[in-house]
Amino acid sequence: MSPFEADIGYVPHNPLSTVDESSRRGLRGGRRQGVQFTKHQAAVLRQCQDALEDAQARMANVYDRGRKEQDFNVGDQVYLNTKNLDTAHTGFSNSRKLGPK
């Protein structure tokens, strides 16, 4: 199944198929076709979600294979990378009203 088919629900027409009038669909029976289309799209969505969940589980398994579990206890000292922390706005040290007196 192509991503285009999963998105819009049908296989796109080839430019050569537009020449043949018999390949075009009519709009008769729109309600029944709408219900069928909705059910089909729900099934396709579930199939795509299942495939993504399987791929995510496989990728997590491969990633976690080379890592070991780390256990931290209360009071353990750890290194903290402050590269992504905004040190100008941490705590009350910069505030005169809310800071220690």
PDB file of N, CA and C in Angstrom:
ATOM      1  N   MET A   1       0.848  -1.170   0.000  1.00  0.00           N
ATOM      2  CA  MET A   1       0.000   0.000   0.000  1.00  0.00           C
ATOM      3  C   MET A   1       0.897   1.237   0.000  1.00  0.00           C
ATOM      4  N   SER A   2       0.603   2.143  -0.879  1.00  0.00           N
ATOM      5  CA  SER A   2       1.395   3.361  -0.958  1.00  0.00           C
ATOM      6  C   SER A   2       0.885   4.379   0.058  1.00  0.00           C
ATOM      7  N   PRO A   3       1.739   5.336   0.472  1.00  0.00           N
ATOM      8  CA  PRO A   3       1.269   6.384   1.384  1.00  0.00           C
ATOM      9  C   PRO A   3       0.117   7.197   0.786  1.00  0.00           C
ATOM     10  N   PHE A   4       0.147   7.397  -0.523  1.00  0.00           N
ATOM     11  CA  PHE A   4      -0.925   8.143  -1.178  1.00  0.00           C
ATOM     12  C   PHE A   4      -2.246   7.400  -1.040  1.00  0.00           C
ATOM     13  N   GLU A   5      -2.211   6.081  -1.232  1.00  0.00           N
ATOM     14  CA  GLU A   5      -3.425   5.281  -1.114  1.00  0.00           C
ATOM     15  C   GLU A   5      -3.940   5.274   0.320  1.00  0.00           C
ATOM     16  N   ALA A   6      -3.014   5.223   1.299  1.00  0.00           N
ATOM     17  CA  ALA A   6      -3.426   5.245   2.701  1.00  0.00           C
ATOM     18  C   ALA A   6      -4.043   6.591   3.064  1.00  0.00           C
ATOM     19  N   ASP A   7      -3.562   7.658   2.445  1.00  0.00           N
ATOM     20  CA  ASP A   7      -4.049   8.996   2.775  1.00  0.00           C
ATOM     21  C   ASP A   7      -5.420   9.271   2.175  1.00  0.00           C
ATOM     22  N   ILE A   8      -5.575   9.028   0.875  1.00  0.00           N
ATOM     23  CA  ILE A   8      -6.832   9.411   0.227  1.00  0.00           C
ATOM     24  C   ILE A   8      -7.786   8.247   0.027  1.00  0.00           C
ATOM     25  N   GLY A   9      -7.313   7.002   0.190  1.00  0.00           N
ATOM     26  CA  GLY A   9      -8.214   5.866   0.164  1.00  0.00           C
ATOM     27  C   GLY A   9      -8.378   5.168  -1.172  1.00  0.00           C
ATOM     28  N   TYR A  10      -7.672   5.568  -2.191  1.00  0.00           N
ATOM     29  CA  TYR A  10      -7.758   4.864  -3.461  1.00  0.00           C
ATOM     30  C   TYR A  10      -6.433   5.004  -4.197  1.00  0.00           C
ATOM     31  N   VAL A  11      -6.252   4.132  -5.178  1.00  0.00           N
ATOM     32  CA  VAL A  11      -5.043   4.188  -5.998  1.00  0.00           C
ATOM     33  C   VAL A  11      -5.239   5.292  -7.026  1.00  0.00           C
ATOM     34  N   PRO A  12      -4.294   6.227  -7.139  1.00  0.00           N
ATOM     35  CA  PRO A  12      -4.479   7.326  -8.091  1.00  0.00           C
ATOM     36  C   PRO A  12      -4.480   6.814  -9.531  1.00  0.00           C
ATOM     37  N   HIS A  13      -5.222   7.512 -10.363  1.00  0.00           N
ATOM     38  CA  HIS A  13      -5.311   7.121 -11.762  1.00  0.00           C
ATOM     39  C   HIS A  13      -4.045   7.495 -12.510  1.00  0.00           C
ATOM     40  N   ASN A  14      -3.725   6.675 -13.452  1.00  0.00           N
ATOM     41  CA  ASN A  14      -2.640   6.933 -14.380  1.00  0.00           C
ATOM     42  C   ASN A  14      -3.148   7.960 -15.394  1.00  0.00           C
ATOM     43  N   PRO A  15      -2.314   8.865 -15.868  1.00  0.00           N
ATOM     44  CA  PRO A  15      -2.795   9.831 -16.867  1.00  0.00           C
ATOM     45  C   PRO A  15      -3.410   9.171 -18.100  1.00  0.00           C
ATOM     46  N   LEU A  16      -2.956   7.972 -18.452  1.00  0.00           N
ATOM     47  CA  LEU A  16      -3.530   7.291 -19.609  1.00  0.00           C
ATOM     48  C   LEU A  16      -4.938   6.775 -19.325  1.00  0.00           C
ATOM     49  N   SER A  17      -5.270   6.558 -18.048  1.00  0.00           N
ATOM     50  CA  SER A  17      -6.599   6.036 -17.730  1.00  0.00           C
ATOM     51  C   SER A  17      -7.679   7.106 -17.862  1.00  0.00           C
ATOM     52  N   THR A  18      -7.316   8.368 -17.935  1.00  0.00           N
ATOM     53  CA  THR A  18      -8.316   9.423 -18.097  1.00  0.00           C
ATOM     54  C   THR A  18      -8.901   9.421 -19.503  1.00  0.00           C
ATOM     55  N   VAL A  19      -8.201   8.811 -20.451  1.00  0.00           N
ATOM     56  CA  VAL A  19      -8.699   8.735 -21.820  1.00  0.00           C
ATOM     57  C   VAL A  19      -9.893   7.786 -21.888  1.00  0.00           C
ATOM     58  N   ASP A  20      -9.849   6.717 -21.113  1.00  0.00           N
ATOM     59  CA  ASP A  20     -10.895   5.709 -21.130  1.00  0.00           C
ATOM     60  C   ASP A  20     -12.046   6.155 -20.235  1.00  0.00           C
ATOM     61  N   GLU A  21     -13.210   6.392 -20.808  1.00  0.00           N
ATOM     62  CA  GLU A  21     -14.369   6.856 -20.045  1.00  0.00           C
ATOM     63  C   GLU A  21     -14.901   5.777 -19.108  1.00  0.00           C
ATOM     64  N   SER A  22     -14.709   4.517 -19.444  1.00  0.00           N
ATOM     65  CA  SER A  22     -15.257   3.444 -18.610  1.00  0.00           C
ATOM     66  C   SER A  22     -14.514   3.318 -17.285  1.00  0.00           C
ATOM     67  N   SER A  23     -13.332   3.902 -17.177  1.00  0.00           N
ATOM     68  CA  SER A  23     -12.570   3.801 -15.935  1.00  0.00           C
ATOM     69  C   SER A  23     -13.036   4.811 -14.890  1.00  0.00           C
ATOM     70  N   ARG A  24     -13.825   5.793 -15.302  1.00  0.00           N
ATOM     71  CA  ARG A  24     -14.311   6.797 -14.350  1.00  0.00           C
ATOM     72  C   ARG A  24     -15.505   6.260 -13.581  1.00  0.00           C
ATOM     73  N   ARG A  25     -15.600   6.648 -12.328  1.00  0.00           N
ATOM     74  CA  ARG A  25     -16.701   6.196 -11.478  1.00  0.00           C
ATOM     75  C   ARG A  25     -17.813   7.243 -11.476  1.00  0.00           C
ATOM     76  N   GLY A  26     -19.033   6.761 -11.401  1.00  0.00           N
ATOM     77  CA  GLY A  26     -20.173   7.658 -11.274  1.00  0.00           C
ATOM     78  C   GLY A  26     -20.393   8.011  -9.815  1.00  0.00           C
ATOM     79  N   LEU A  27     -21.301   8.917  -9.568  1.00  0.00           N
ATOM     80  CA  LEU A  27     -21.580   9.352  -8.209  1.00  0.00           C
ATOM     81  C   LEU A  27     -22.868   8.735  -7.666  1.00  0.00           C
ATOM     82  N   ARG A  28     -23.371   7.667  -8.302  1.00  0.00           N
ATOM     83  CA  ARG A  28     -24.602   7.026  -7.833  1.00  0.00           C
ATOM     84  C   ARG A  28     -24.319   6.217  -6.572  1.00  0.00           C
ATOM     85  N   GLY A  29     -25.305   6.123  -5.714  1.00  0.00           N
ATOM     86  CA  GLY A  29     -25.147   5.346  -4.480  1.00  0.00           C
ATOM     87  C   GLY A  29     -24.151   5.985  -3.533  1.00  0.00           C
ATOM     88  N   GLY A  30     -24.195   7.300  -3.434  1.00  0.00           N
ATOM     89  CA  GLY A  30     -23.203   8.040  -2.654  1.00  0.00           C
ATOM     90  C   GLY A  30     -23.200   7.707  -1.177  1.00  0.00           C
ATOM     91  N   ARG A  31     -24.374   7.497  -0.587  1.00  0.00           N
ATOM     92  CA  ARG A  31     -24.434   7.214   0.856  1.00  0.00           C
ATOM     93  C   ARG A  31     -23.776   5.877   1.164  1.00  0.00           C
ATOM     94  N   ARG A  32     -24.127   4.848   0.392  1.00  0.00           N
ATOM     95  CA  ARG A  32     -23.550   3.525   0.619  1.00  0.00           C
ATOM     96  C   ARG A  32     -22.039   3.557   0.381  1.00  0.00           C
ATOM     97  N   GLN A  33     -21.634   4.239  -0.663  1.00  0.00           N
ATOM     98  CA  GLN A  33     -20.208   4.346  -0.950  1.00  0.00           C
ATOM     99  C   GLN A  33     -19.495   5.143   0.127  1.00  0.00           C
ATOM    100  N   GLY A  34     -20.170   6.149   0.681  1.00  0.00           N
ATOM    101  CA  GLY A  34     -19.562   6.937   1.754  1.00  0.00           C
ATOM    102  C   GLY A  34     -19.327   6.103   2.999  1.00  0.00           C
ATOM    103  N   VAL A  35     -20.299   5.259   3.341  1.00  0.00           N
ATOM    104  CA  VAL A  35     -20.148   4.384   4.508  1.00  0.00           C
ATOM    105  C   VAL A  35     -19.031   3.382   4.262  1.00  0.00           C
ATOM    106  N   GLN A  36     -19.007   2.809   3.064  1.00  0.00           N
ATOM    107  CA  GLN A  36     -17.946   1.852   2.729  1.00  0.00           C
ATOM    108  C   GLN A  36     -16.580   2.536   2.752  1.00  0.00           C
ATOM    109  N   PHE A  37     -16.521   3.745   2.222  1.00  0.00           N
ATOM    110  CA  PHE A  37     -15.260   4.480   2.211  1.00  0.00           C
ATOM    111  C   PHE A  37     -14.786   4.764   3.632  1.00  0.00           C
ATOM    112  N   THR A  38     -15.714   5.161   4.509  1.00  0.00           N
ATOM    113  CA  THR A  38     -15.357   5.445   5.902  1.00  0.00           C
ATOM    114  C   THR A  38     -14.835   4.199   6.598  1.00  0.00           C
ATOM    115  N   LYS A  39     -15.507   3.070   6.396  1.00  0.00           N
ATOM    116  CA  LYS A  39     -15.045   1.815   6.997  1.00  0.00           C
ATOM    117  C   LYS A  39     -13.676   1.419   6.451  1.00  0.00           C
ATOM    118  N   HIS A  40     -13.493   1.583   5.156  1.00  0.00           N
ATOM    119  CA  HIS A  40     -12.204   1.245   4.538  1.00  0.00           C
ATOM    120  C   HIS A  40     -11.091   2.132   5.089  1.00  0.00           C
ATOM    121  N   GLN A  41     -11.362   3.429   5.198  1.00  0.00           N
ATOM    122  CA  GLN A  41     -10.345   4.350   5.718  1.00  0.00           C
ATOM    123  C   GLN A  41     -10.018   4.042   7.176  1.00  0.00           C
ATOM    124  N   ALA A  42     -11.016   3.651   7.972  1.00  0.00           N
ATOM    125  CA  ALA A  42     -10.760   3.278   9.366  1.00  0.00           C
ATOM    126  C   ALA A  42      -9.881   2.035   9.430  1.00  0.00           C
ATOM    127  N   ALA A  43     -10.123   1.074   8.543  1.00  0.00           N
ATOM    128  CA  ALA A  43      -9.294  -0.132   8.507  1.00  0.00           C
ATOM    129  C   ALA A  43      -7.872   0.198   8.071  1.00  0.00           C
ATOM    130  N   VAL A  44      -7.737   1.076   7.085  1.00  0.00           N
ATOM    131  CA  VAL A  44      -6.402   1.478   6.627  1.00  0.00           C
ATOM    132  C   VAL A  44      -5.663   2.220   7.733  1.00  0.00           C
ATOM    133  N   LEU A  45      -6.370   3.104   8.443  1.00  0.00           N
ATOM    134  CA  LEU A  45      -5.756   3.841   9.544  1.00  0.00           C
ATOM    135  C   LEU A  45      -5.270   2.883  10.622  1.00  0.00           C
ATOM    136  N   ARG A  46      -6.082   1.899  10.981  1.00  0.00           N
ATOM    137  CA  ARG A  46      -5.690   0.917  12.005  1.00  0.00           C
ATOM    138  C   ARG A  46      -4.479   0.116  11.531  1.00  0.00           C
ATOM    139  N   GLN A  47      -4.456  -0.244  10.250  1.00  0.00           N
ATOM    140  CA  GLN A  47      -3.328  -0.993   9.696  1.00  0.00           C
ATOM    141  C   GLN A  47      -2.051  -0.154   9.760  1.00  0.00           C
ATOM    142  N   CYS A  48      -2.145   1.118   9.425  1.00  0.00           N
ATOM    143  CA  CYS A  48      -0.977   2.003   9.486  1.00  0.00           C
ATOM    144  C   CYS A  48      -0.509   2.190  10.929  1.00  0.00           C
ATOM    145  N   GLN A  49      -1.453   2.349  11.861  1.00  0.00           N
ATOM    146  CA  GLN A  49      -1.083   2.506  13.267  1.00  0.00           C
ATOM    147  C   GLN A  49      -0.405   1.250  13.797  1.00  0.00           C
ATOM    148  N   ASP A  50      -0.909   0.075  13.418  1.00  0.00           N
ATOM    149  CA  ASP A  50      -0.283  -1.174  13.849  1.00  0.00           C
ATOM    150  C   ASP A  50       1.132  -1.299  13.297  1.00  0.00           C
ATOM    151  N   ALA A  51       1.306  -0.926  12.031  1.00  0.00           N
ATOM    152  CA  ALA A  51       2.635  -0.995  11.428  1.00  0.00           C
ATOM    153  C   ALA A  51       3.596  -0.035  12.121  1.00  0.00           C
ATOM    154  N   LEU A  52       3.124   1.164  12.463  1.00  0.00           N
ATOM    155  CA  LEU A  52       3.977   2.124  13.166  1.00  0.00           C
ATOM    156  C   LEU A  52       4.333   1.638  14.565  1.00  0.00           C
ATOM    157  N   GLU A  53       3.372   1.027  15.266  1.00  0.00           N
ATOM    158  CA  GLU A  53       3.654   0.492  16.599  1.00  0.00           C
ATOM    159  C   GLU A  53       4.680  -0.632  16.529  1.00  0.00           C
ATOM    160  N   ASP A  54       4.553  -1.508  15.525  1.00  0.00           N
ATOM    161  CA  ASP A  54       5.525  -2.592  15.359  1.00  0.00           C
ATOM    162  C   ASP A  54       6.913  -2.038  15.061  1.00  0.00           C
ATOM    163  N   ALA A  55       6.981  -1.044  14.180  1.00  0.00           N
ATOM    164  CA  ALA A  55       8.276  -0.447  13.845  1.00  0.00           C
ATOM    165  C   ALA A  55       8.884   0.243  15.057  1.00  0.00           C
ATOM    166  N   GLN A  56       8.058   0.922  15.842  1.00  0.00           N
ATOM    167  CA  GLN A  56       8.557   1.596  17.038  1.00  0.00           C
ATOM    168  C   GLN A  56       9.087   0.583  18.046  1.00  0.00           C
ATOM    169  N   ALA A  57       8.391  -0.531  18.207  1.00  0.00           N
ATOM    170  CA  ALA A  57       8.852  -1.565  19.139  1.00  0.00           C
ATOM    171  C   ALA A  57      10.171  -2.172  18.673  1.00  0.00           C
ATOM    172  N   ARG A  58      10.303  -2.414  17.370  1.00  0.00           N
ATOM    173  CA  ARG A  58      11.564  -2.955  16.842  1.00  0.00           C
ATOM    174  C   ARG A  58      12.709  -1.970  17.039  1.00  0.00           C
ATOM    175  N   MET A  59      12.454  -0.695  16.778  1.00  0.00           N
ATOM    176  CA  MET A  59      13.503   0.312  16.937  1.00  0.00           C
ATOM    177  C   MET A  59      13.897   0.464  18.397  1.00  0.00           C
ATOM    178  N   ALA A  60      12.934   0.412  19.310  1.00  0.00           N
ATOM    179  CA  ALA A  60      13.241   0.507  20.735  1.00  0.00           C
ATOM    180  C   ALA A  60      14.058  -0.695  21.182  1.00  0.00           C
ATOM    181  N   ASN A  61      13.733  -1.867  20.653  1.00  0.00           N
ATOM    182  CA  ASN A  61      14.477  -3.071  21.005  1.00  0.00           C
ATOM    183  C   ASN A  61      15.928  -2.966  20.547  1.00  0.00           C
ATOM    184  N   VAL A  62      16.143  -2.490  19.329  1.00  0.00           N
ATOM    185  CA  VAL A  62      17.507  -2.343  18.813  1.00  0.00           C
ATOM    186  C   VAL A  62      18.263  -1.288  19.608  1.00  0.00           C
ATOM    187  N   TYR A  63      17.607  -0.187  19.936  1.00  0.00           N
ATOM    188  CA  TYR A  63      18.261   0.889  20.680  1.00  0.00           C
ATOM    189  C   TYR A  63      18.600   0.447  22.099  1.00  0.00           C
ATOM    190  N   ASP A  64      17.673  -0.242  22.753  1.00  0.00           N
ATOM    191  CA  ASP A  64      17.876  -0.644  24.141  1.00  0.00           C
ATOM    192  C   ASP A  64      18.832  -1.817  24.290  1.00  0.00           C
ATOM    193  N   ARG A  65      19.136  -2.500  23.209  1.00  0.00           N
ATOM    194  CA  ARG A  65      20.021  -3.659  23.289  1.00  0.00           C
ATOM    195  C   ARG A  65      21.406  -3.277  23.800  1.00  0.00           C
ATOM    196  N   GLY A  66      21.897  -2.116  23.425  1.00  0.00           N
ATOM    197  CA  GLY A  66      23.242  -1.697  23.816  1.00  0.00           C
ATOM    198  C   GLY A  66      23.285  -0.847  25.070  1.00  0.00           C
ATOM    199  N   ARG A  67      22.170  -0.670  25.736  1.00  0.00           N
ATOM    200  CA  ARG A  67      22.134   0.186  26.921  1.00  0.00           C
ATOM    201  C   ARG A  67      21.900  -0.658  28.163  1.00  0.00           C
ATOM    202  N   LYS A  68      22.442  -0.199  29.274  1.00  0.00           N
ATOM    203  CA  LYS A  68      22.197  -0.895  30.534  1.00  0.00           C
ATOM    204  C   LYS A  68      21.296  -0.034  31.415  1.00  0.00           C
ATOM    205  N   GLU A  69      20.542  -0.688  32.256  1.00  0.00           N
ATOM    206  CA  GLU A  69      19.612   0.001  33.144  1.00  0.00           C
ATOM    207  C   GLU A  69      20.388   0.734  34.230  1.00  0.00           C
ATOM    208  N   GLN A  70      20.036   1.985  34.490  1.00  0.00           N
ATOM    209  CA  GLN A  70      20.693   2.775  35.524  1.00  0.00           C
ATOM    210  C   GLN A  70      19.699   3.023  36.647  1.00  0.00           C
ATOM    211  N   ASP A  71      20.117   2.693  37.857  1.00  0.00           N
ATOM    212  CA  ASP A  71      19.271   2.909  39.026  1.00  0.00           C
ATOM    213  C   ASP A  71      19.836   4.057  39.841  1.00  0.00           C
ATOM    214  N   PHE A  72      18.990   5.015  40.171  1.00  0.00           N
ATOM    215  CA  PHE A  72      19.385   6.146  40.996  1.00  0.00           C
ATOM    216  C   PHE A  72      18.588   6.105  42.291  1.00  0.00           C
ATOM    217  N   ASN A  73      19.255   6.412  43.384  1.00  0.00           N
ATOM    218  CA  ASN A  73      18.602   6.478  44.690  1.00  0.00           C
ATOM    219  C   ASN A  73      18.530   7.926  45.147  1.00  0.00           C
ATOM    220  N   VAL A  74      17.674   8.193  46.091  1.00  0.00           N
ATOM    221  CA  VAL A  74      17.554   9.533  46.648  1.00  0.00           C
ATOM    222  C   VAL A  74      18.879   9.888  47.303  1.00  0.00           C
ATOM    223  N   GLY A  75      19.402  11.058  46.982  1.00  0.00           N
ATOM    224  CA  GLY A  75      20.662  11.517  47.554  1.00  0.00           C
ATOM    225  C   GLY A  75      21.870  11.233  46.679  1.00  0.00           C
ATOM    226  N   ASP A  76      21.717  10.461  45.608  1.00  0.00           N
ATOM    227  CA  ASP A  76      22.835  10.204  44.700  1.00  0.00           C
ATOM    228  C   ASP A  76      23.205  11.491  43.979  1.00  0.00           C
ATOM    229  N   GLN A  77      24.491  11.701  43.804  1.00  0.00           N
ATOM    230  CA  GLN A  77      24.947  12.866  43.062  1.00  0.00           C
ATOM    231  C   GLN A  77      25.153  12.463  41.607  1.00  0.00           C
ATOM    232  N   VAL A  78      24.618  13.279  40.724  1.00  0.00           N
ATOM    233  CA  VAL A  78      24.710  13.001  39.295  1.00  0.00           C
ATOM    234  C   VAL A  78      25.180  14.260  38.584  1.00  0.00           C
ATOM    235  N   TYR A  79      25.730  14.083  37.406  1.00  0.00           N
ATOM    236  CA  TYR A  79      26.126  15.221  36.586  1.00  0.00           C
ATOM    237  C   TYR A  79      24.902  15.738  35.836  1.00  0.00           C
ATOM    238  N   LEU A  80      24.808  17.066  35.738  1.00  0.00           N
ATOM    239  CA  LEU A  80      23.700  17.692  35.041  1.00  0.00           C
ATOM    240  C   LEU A  80      24.261  18.576  33.939  1.00  0.00           C
ATOM    241  N   ASN A  81      23.835  18.347  32.739  1.00  0.00           N
ATOM    242  CA  ASN A  81      24.252  19.159  31.609  1.00  0.00           C
ATOM    243  C   ASN A  81      23.359  20.400  31.574  1.00  0.00           C
ATOM    244  N   THR A  82      23.942  21.568  31.788  1.00  0.00           N
ATOM    245  CA  THR A  82      23.172  22.815  31.839  1.00  0.00           C
ATOM    246  C   THR A  82      23.151  23.540  30.501  1.00  0.00           C
ATOM    247  N   LYS A  83      23.530  22.852  29.449  1.00  0.00           N
ATOM    248  CA  LYS A  83      23.574  23.476  28.131  1.00  0.00           C
ATOM    249  C   LYS A  83      22.197  23.996  27.711  1.00  0.00           C
ATOM    250  N   ASN A  84      21.142  23.252  27.990  1.00  0.00           N
ATOM    251  CA  ASN A  84      19.799  23.636  27.556  1.00  0.00           C
ATOM    252  C   ASN A  84      18.974  24.280  28.660  1.00  0.00           C
ATOM    253  N   LEU A  85      19.562  24.589  29.799  1.00  0.00           N
ATOM    254  CA  LEU A  85      18.843  25.240  30.886  1.00  0.00           C
ATOM    255  C   LEU A  85      19.031  26.746  30.799  1.00  0.00           C
ATOM    256  N   ASP A  86      17.977  27.480  31.091  1.00  0.00           N
ATOM    257  CA  ASP A  86      18.038  28.937  31.102  1.00  0.00           C
ATOM    258  C   ASP A  86      18.475  29.360  32.505  1.00  0.00           C
ATOM    259  N   THR A  87      19.754  29.644  32.675  1.00  0.00           N
ATOM    260  CA  THR A  87      20.280  29.963  34.005  1.00  0.00           C
ATOM    261  C   THR A  87      19.862  31.351  34.472  1.00  0.00           C
ATOM    262  N   ALA A  88      19.386  32.206  33.578  1.00  0.00           N
ATOM    263  CA  ALA A  88      18.973  33.550  33.974  1.00  0.00           C
ATOM    264  C   ALA A  88      17.636  33.528  34.712  1.00  0.00           C
ATOM    265  N   HIS A  89      16.835  32.500  34.527  1.00  0.00           N
ATOM    266  CA  HIS A  89      15.505  32.464  35.127  1.00  0.00           C
ATOM    267  C   HIS A  89      15.294  31.234  35.999  1.00  0.00           C
ATOM    268  N   THR A  90      16.295  30.778  36.683  1.00  0.00           N
ATOM    269  CA  THR A  90      16.123  29.613  37.553  1.00  0.00           C
ATOM    270  C   THR A  90      16.013  30.066  38.992  1.00  0.00           C
ATOM    271  N   GLY A  91      14.972  29.644  39.657  1.00  0.00           N
ATOM    272  CA  GLY A  91      14.798  29.959  41.071  1.00  0.00           C
ATOM    273  C   GLY A  91      14.427  31.407  41.305  1.00  0.00           C
ATOM    274  N   PHE A  92      14.595  31.858  42.546  1.00  0.00           N
ATOM    275  CA  PHE A  92      14.236  33.216  42.936  1.00  0.00           C
ATOM    276  C   PHE A  92      15.454  34.109  43.100  1.00  0.00           C
ATOM    277  N   SER A  93      16.616  33.662  42.698  1.00  0.00           N
ATOM    278  CA  SER A  93      17.829  34.431  42.974  1.00  0.00           C
ATOM    279  C   SER A  93      17.854  35.791  42.275  1.00  0.00           C
ATOM    280  N   ASN A  94      17.138  35.952  41.186  1.00  0.00           N
ATOM    281  CA  ASN A  94      17.154  37.214  40.454  1.00  0.00           C
ATOM    282  C   ASN A  94      16.005  38.139  40.843  1.00  0.00           C
ATOM    283  N   SER A  95      15.075  37.672  41.640  1.00  0.00           N
ATOM    284  CA  SER A  95      13.905  38.466  41.975  1.00  0.00           C
ATOM    285  C   SER A  95      14.090  39.127  43.338  1.00  0.00           C
ATOM    286  N   ARG A  96      13.892  40.440  43.405  1.00  0.00           N
ATOM    287  CA  ARG A  96      14.015  41.147  44.684  1.00  0.00           C
ATOM    288  C   ARG A  96      12.791  40.918  45.557  1.00  0.00           C
ATOM    289  N   LYS A  97      11.618  40.819  44.937  1.00  0.00           N
ATOM    290  CA  LYS A  97      10.396  40.649  45.714  1.00  0.00           C
ATOM    291  C   LYS A  97      10.283  39.237  46.273  1.00  0.00           C
ATOM    292  N   LEU A  98      10.595  38.243  45.446  1.00  0.00           N
ATOM    293  CA  LEU A  98      10.376  36.864  45.844  1.00  0.00           C
ATOM    294  C   LEU A  98      11.627  36.189  46.388  1.00  0.00           C
ATOM    295  N   GLY A  99      12.755  36.821  46.290  1.00  0.00           N
ATOM    296  CA  GLY A  99      14.009  36.206  46.721  1.00  0.00           C
ATOM    297  C   GLY A  99      14.193  36.213  48.221  1.00  0.00           C
ATOM    298  N   PRO A 100      15.257  35.598  48.686  1.00  0.00           N
ATOM    299  CA  PRO A 100      15.533  35.575  50.127  1.00  0.00           C
ATOM    300  C   PRO A 100      15.838  36.971  50.633  1.00  0.00           C
ATOM    301  N   LYS A 101      15.473  37.241  51.886  1.00  0.00           N
ATOM    302  CA  LYS A 101      15.669  38.579  52.456  1.00  0.00           C
ATOM    303  C   LYS A 101      16.734  38.554  53.512  1.00  0.00           C
TER     304      LYS A 101
END
